């Protein structure tokens, strides 16, 4: 986490372990439980304040994560400026962060570790949270379509199977069992209209390769890179490049 990196800059930028455990969703949560975990919203309004306006010499007024979680985090641009400025700020004696971007919390002075906390929240919201929210919404909307085009009970069974998967699948970590390693949230793309990328094709080929291996066949399944290279080799088959380039030697 970012807070672990900033710990070496100054101790005040490191979140206490007990607060960190409460502030972030546990890596063992299922996708559905993760979507219920409370995270601060991201402010969409542009801030009129410079990064230096947020830092203050006053003592912090709260370290209660339940209160902090209700305060919107600054817009991405402002937050990036705060992360860049926090080292200089704490080394010059700044002890707290004033919430200039949120009028309802303008009277609060937060500990400076709130900046790495906000940065982590923004990262989670723009990657895992965004992906899994989109997948859940897609499944929910497909249920309405399927109910109109097929038997209602069959549609319910298909949707229940999809939700069962979301209740078993971890929200965080890496995809395992495939040649290419990717974050788990990348699987959310399958529950969308944007899922047929090269990575997905390779994953499907990996599943086919495993199935054939278990059946004892000697059939070899290549990755998508082989097919792209094969097509490129065919395109320049009558040129010196095909004869001389090492790119095509393995084909």
Protein backbone atom coordinates (compact mmCIF):
# COMPACT_ATOMS: atom_id res chain seq x y z
CA UNK A 1 0.00 0.00 0.00
CA UNK A 2 1.03 3.62 -0.50
CA UNK A 3 1.04 4.19 3.27
CA UNK A 4 3.79 1.55 3.62
CA UNK A 5 5.95 3.45 1.14
CA UNK A 6 5.41 6.81 2.83
CA UNK A 7 6.18 5.30 6.24
CA UNK A 8 9.88 5.66 5.41
CA UNK A 9 9.50 9.36 4.59
CA UNK A 10 7.99 10.25 7.95
CA UNK A 11 6.22 8.17 10.66
CA UNK A 12 3.21 10.53 10.65
CA UNK A 13 2.38 9.43 7.09
CA UNK A 14 1.97 5.79 8.11
CA UNK A 15 -1.52 4.67 9.14
CA UNK A 16 -1.60 2.70 12.42
CA UNK A 17 -2.14 -1.00 11.75
CA UNK A 18 -5.42 -1.19 13.68
CA UNK A 19 -6.89 1.76 11.77
CA UNK A 20 -5.61 0.41 8.46
CA UNK A 21 -7.33 -2.92 9.13
CA UNK A 22 -10.64 -1.11 9.66
CA UNK A 23 -10.19 1.43 6.86
CA UNK A 24 -9.70 -0.96 3.93
CA UNK A 25 -11.69 -4.00 2.78
CA UNK A 26 -10.13 -7.31 3.74
CA UNK A 27 -8.52 -9.09 0.80
CA UNK A 28 -10.54 -12.24 1.63
CA UNK A 29 -13.93 -10.57 1.10
CA UNK A 30 -16.08 -11.82 -1.77
CA UNK A 31 -16.97 -9.45 -4.59
CA UNK A 32 -20.51 -8.97 -3.24
CA UNK A 33 -19.26 -8.25 0.29
CA UNK A 34 -16.61 -5.89 -1.11
CA UNK A 35 -19.31 -3.89 -2.92
CA UNK A 36 -21.01 -3.34 0.46
CA UNK A 37 -17.84 -2.10 2.16
CA UNK A 38 -18.07 1.63 3.00
CA UNK A 39 -15.52 3.80 1.21
CA UNK A 40 -15.50 7.61 0.98
CA UNK A 41 -16.94 9.08 -2.19
CA UNK A 42 -14.69 11.05 -4.55
CA UNK A 43 -15.47 14.74 -4.86
CA UNK A 44 -16.32 15.71 -8.40
CA UNK A 45 -16.04 19.45 -7.87
CA UNK A 46 -12.79 21.18 -8.79
CA UNK A 47 -11.03 22.63 -5.77
CA UNK A 48 -10.04 26.30 -5.78
CA UNK A 49 -7.30 25.67 -3.22
CA UNK A 50 -3.64 24.87 -3.74
CA UNK A 51 -2.11 21.79 -2.14
CA UNK A 52 -0.28 23.97 0.38
CA UNK A 53 -3.65 25.31 1.65
CA UNK A 54 -4.54 21.86 3.00
CA UNK A 55 -1.60 21.52 5.40
CA UNK A 56 -1.73 23.03 8.86
CA UNK A 57 0.39 23.31 11.99
CA UNK A 58 -2.63 22.79 14.28
CA UNK A 59 -3.04 19.58 16.23
CA UNK A 60 -5.38 17.03 14.59
CA UNK A 61 -8.94 17.01 15.95
CA UNK A 62 -9.85 13.39 15.09
CA UNK A 63 -8.38 10.06 14.09
CA UNK A 64 -11.76 8.28 14.09
CA UNK A 65 -11.88 6.33 10.84
CA UNK A 66 -15.70 6.18 10.96
CA UNK A 67 -15.79 9.99 10.82
CA UNK A 68 -13.02 10.21 8.22
CA UNK A 69 -14.81 7.67 6.00
CA UNK A 70 -17.80 10.02 5.73
CA UNK A 71 -15.65 12.86 4.36
CA UNK A 72 -15.36 12.92 0.54
CA UNK A 73 -11.84 12.57 -0.78
CA UNK A 74 -10.43 15.36 -2.97
CA UNK A 75 -10.61 15.12 -6.79
CA UNK A 76 -7.88 13.00 -8.39
CA UNK A 77 -5.89 16.00 -9.63
CA UNK A 78 -5.86 17.69 -6.21
CA UNK A 79 -5.05 14.43 -4.47
CA UNK A 80 -2.07 13.87 -6.75
CA UNK A 81 -0.77 17.30 -5.78
CA UNK A 82 -1.26 16.51 -2.08
CA UNK A 83 0.69 13.23 -2.38
CA UNK A 84 3.52 15.09 -4.12
CA UNK A 85 3.55 17.86 -1.48
CA UNK A 86 3.13 15.79 1.69
CA UNK A 87 6.84 14.97 2.12
CA UNK A 88 7.87 18.62 2.15
CA UNK A 89 4.89 19.52 4.36
CA UNK A 90 5.57 17.01 7.16
CA UNK A 91 9.32 17.64 7.13
CA UNK A 92 8.62 21.35 7.59
CA UNK A 93 6.50 20.67 10.69
CA UNK A 94 2.93 20.43 9.37
CA UNK A 95 0.87 18.23 11.72
CA UNK A 96 -2.61 18.07 10.18
CA UNK A 97 -4.69 18.31 7.01
CA UNK A 98 -7.64 20.71 6.77
CA UNK A 99 -10.48 19.57 4.50
CA UNK A 100 -10.59 22.60 2.19
CA UNK A 101 -12.47 20.62 -0.49
CA UNK A 102 -15.40 19.55 1.72
CA UNK A 103 -17.40 22.41 3.35
CA UNK A 104 -19.19 20.06 5.76
CA UNK A 105 -15.82 18.94 7.19
CA UNK A 106 -14.00 22.27 6.94
CA UNK A 107 -13.73 22.43 10.73
CA UNK A 108 -11.92 19.10 10.94
CA UNK A 109 -8.14 18.78 11.16
CA UNK A 110 -7.10 15.26 10.17
CA UNK A 111 -3.83 13.43 10.75
CA UNK A 112 -1.53 13.66 7.73
CA UNK A 113 -1.82 9.91 7.07
CA UNK A 114 -5.24 10.75 5.63
CA UNK A 115 -3.45 11.63 2.37
CA UNK A 116 -2.09 8.11 1.70
CA UNK A 117 -5.47 6.79 2.89
CA UNK A 118 -7.28 8.93 0.32
CA UNK A 119 -4.80 7.83 -2.36
CA UNK A 120 -5.48 4.16 -1.60
CA UNK A 121 -9.24 4.72 -1.68
CA UNK A 122 -8.98 6.45 -5.06
CA UNK A 123 -6.93 3.54 -6.41
CA UNK A 124 -9.48 0.99 -5.17
CA UNK A 125 -12.42 2.99 -6.52
CA UNK A 126 -10.92 3.49 -9.99
CA UNK A 127 -9.82 -0.15 -10.42
CA UNK A 128 -11.52 -2.96 -8.46
CA UNK A 129 -14.62 -1.06 -7.31
CA UNK A 130 -15.35 0.40 -10.75
CA UNK A 131 -14.88 -2.98 -12.45
CA UNK A 132 -17.01 -5.02 -10.05
CA UNK A 133 -19.78 -2.41 -9.82
CA UNK A 134 -19.96 -2.47 -13.63
CA UNK A 135 -20.11 -6.28 -13.66
CA UNK A 136 -22.91 -6.41 -11.07
CA UNK A 137 -24.91 -3.76 -12.93
CA UNK A 138 -24.46 -5.64 -16.22
CA UNK A 139 -25.71 -8.90 -14.68
CA UNK A 140 -28.68 -7.12 -13.14
CA UNK A 141 -29.64 -5.48 -16.44
CA UNK A 142 -29.20 -8.75 -18.37
CA UNK A 143 -31.71 -10.37 -16.05
CA UNK A 144 -34.40 -8.01 -17.36
CA UNK A 145 -33.48 -8.83 -20.96
CA UNK A 146 -33.39 -12.60 -20.39
CA UNK A 147 -36.79 -12.55 -18.69
CA UNK A 148 -38.25 -11.13 -21.91
CA UNK A 149 -36.53 -13.58 -24.25
CA UNK A 150 -36.62 -16.89 -22.36
CA UNK A 151 -38.43 -18.81 -19.65
CA UNK A 152 -38.48 -16.85 -16.38
CA UNK A 153 -37.23 -19.78 -14.28
CA UNK A 154 -34.29 -20.39 -16.61
CA UNK A 155 -33.39 -16.70 -16.50
CA UNK A 156 -33.50 -16.73 -12.69
CA UNK A 157 -31.27 -19.82 -12.59
CA UNK A 158 -28.66 -18.22 -14.87
CA UNK A 159 -28.64 -15.00 -12.86
CA UNK A 160 -28.43 -16.89 -9.57
CA UNK A 161 -25.41 -18.79 -10.89
CA UNK A 162 -23.74 -15.49 -11.81
CA UNK A 163 -24.41 -14.03 -8.34
CA UNK A 164 -23.18 -17.24 -6.71
CA UNK A 165 -19.88 -16.73 -8.50
CA UNK A 166 -19.66 -13.14 -7.23
CA UNK A 167 -20.33 -14.39 -3.71
CA UNK A 168 -17.43 -16.89 -3.95
CA UNK A 169 -14.87 -14.93 -5.96
CA UNK A 170 -12.38 -12.76 -4.07
CA UNK A 171 -12.41 -9.07 -5.01
CA UNK A 172 -8.63 -8.70 -4.73
CA UNK A 173 -5.53 -10.62 -5.76
CA UNK A 174 -4.35 -12.11 -9.03
CA UNK A 175 -5.93 -14.53 -11.48
CA UNK A 176 -4.26 -17.93 -11.08
CA UNK A 177 -4.01 -20.98 -13.32
CA UNK A 178 -3.34 -19.10 -16.57
CA UNK A 179 -0.13 -18.31 -18.42
CA UNK A 180 -0.66 -14.56 -18.03
CA UNK A 181 -1.02 -13.09 -14.53
CA UNK A 182 -3.62 -10.34 -14.15
CA UNK A 183 -5.49 -8.67 -11.26
CA UNK A 184 -8.71 -10.49 -10.38
CA UNK A 185 -10.83 -7.44 -11.13
CA UNK A 186 -9.93 -7.88 -14.80
CA UNK A 187 -12.31 -10.87 -14.80
CA UNK A 188 -15.17 -8.39 -14.38
CA UNK A 189 -14.77 -7.56 -18.07
CA UNK A 190 -16.44 -10.89 -18.91
CA UNK A 191 -19.66 -9.42 -17.48
CA UNK A 192 -19.73 -6.67 -20.10
CA UNK A 193 -19.74 -6.14 -23.86
CA UNK A 194 -15.99 -5.55 -23.93
CA UNK A 195 -14.62 -8.95 -22.99
CA UNK A 196 -13.11 -10.38 -26.20
CA UNK A 197 -9.55 -9.05 -25.91
CA UNK A 198 -6.39 -11.07 -26.56
CA UNK A 199 -6.04 -11.81 -22.83
CA UNK A 200 -9.52 -13.34 -22.73
CA UNK A 201 -8.82 -15.40 -25.84
CA UNK A 202 -5.62 -16.70 -24.24
CA UNK A 203 -7.52 -17.60 -21.06
CA UNK A 204 -10.09 -19.55 -23.09
CA UNK A 205 -7.26 -21.33 -24.93
CA UNK A 206 -5.64 -22.12 -21.56
CA UNK A 207 -8.88 -23.77 -20.42
CA UNK A 208 -9.06 -25.77 -23.65
CA UNK A 209 -5.39 -26.78 -23.27
CA UNK A 210 -6.05 -28.03 -19.73
CA UNK A 211 -9.11 -29.98 -20.83
CA UNK A 212 -7.17 -31.71 -23.64
CA UNK A 213 -4.27 -32.43 -21.30
CA UNK A 214 -6.58 -34.18 -18.84
CA UNK A 215 -7.93 -36.30 -21.70
CA UNK A 216 -4.40 -37.41 -22.60
CA UNK A 217 -4.38 -35.95 -26.11
CA UNK A 218 -1.15 -34.84 -27.78
CA UNK A 219 -2.84 -31.91 -29.51
CA UNK A 220 -0.94 -28.69 -28.85
CA UNK A 221 -2.81 -25.40 -28.36
CA UNK A 222 -0.81 -22.26 -29.11
CA UNK A 223 -1.28 -18.78 -27.64
CA UNK A 224 -2.80 -15.93 -29.67
CA UNK A 225 0.71 -14.55 -30.33
CA UNK A 226 1.37 -17.60 -32.50
CA UNK A 227 -1.64 -16.90 -34.72
CA UNK A 228 -0.73 -13.23 -35.07
CA UNK A 229 2.86 -14.16 -35.99
CA UNK A 230 1.61 -16.79 -38.43
CA UNK A 231 -0.57 -14.24 -40.20
CA UNK A 232 2.32 -11.78 -40.34
CA UNK A 233 4.58 -14.49 -41.77
CA UNK A 234 2.02 -15.25 -44.48
CA UNK A 235 1.79 -11.56 -45.39
CA UNK A 236 5.55 -11.32 -46.08
CA UNK A 237 6.06 -14.90 -47.32
CA UNK A 238 7.49 -13.74 -50.67
CA UNK A 239 9.91 -11.20 -49.21
CA UNK A 240 13.41 -11.45 -47.83
CA UNK A 241 12.07 -10.59 -44.39
CA UNK A 242 10.38 -13.99 -44.07
CA UNK A 243 13.59 -15.83 -44.97
CA UNK A 244 15.95 -13.71 -42.89
CA UNK A 245 14.05 -12.45 -39.83
CA UNK A 246 14.48 -14.34 -36.57
CA UNK A 247 10.92 -13.36 -35.66
CA UNK A 248 9.61 -16.21 -37.82
CA UNK A 249 12.25 -18.82 -36.97
CA UNK A 250 10.15 -20.48 -34.26
CA UNK A 251 7.17 -20.74 -36.64
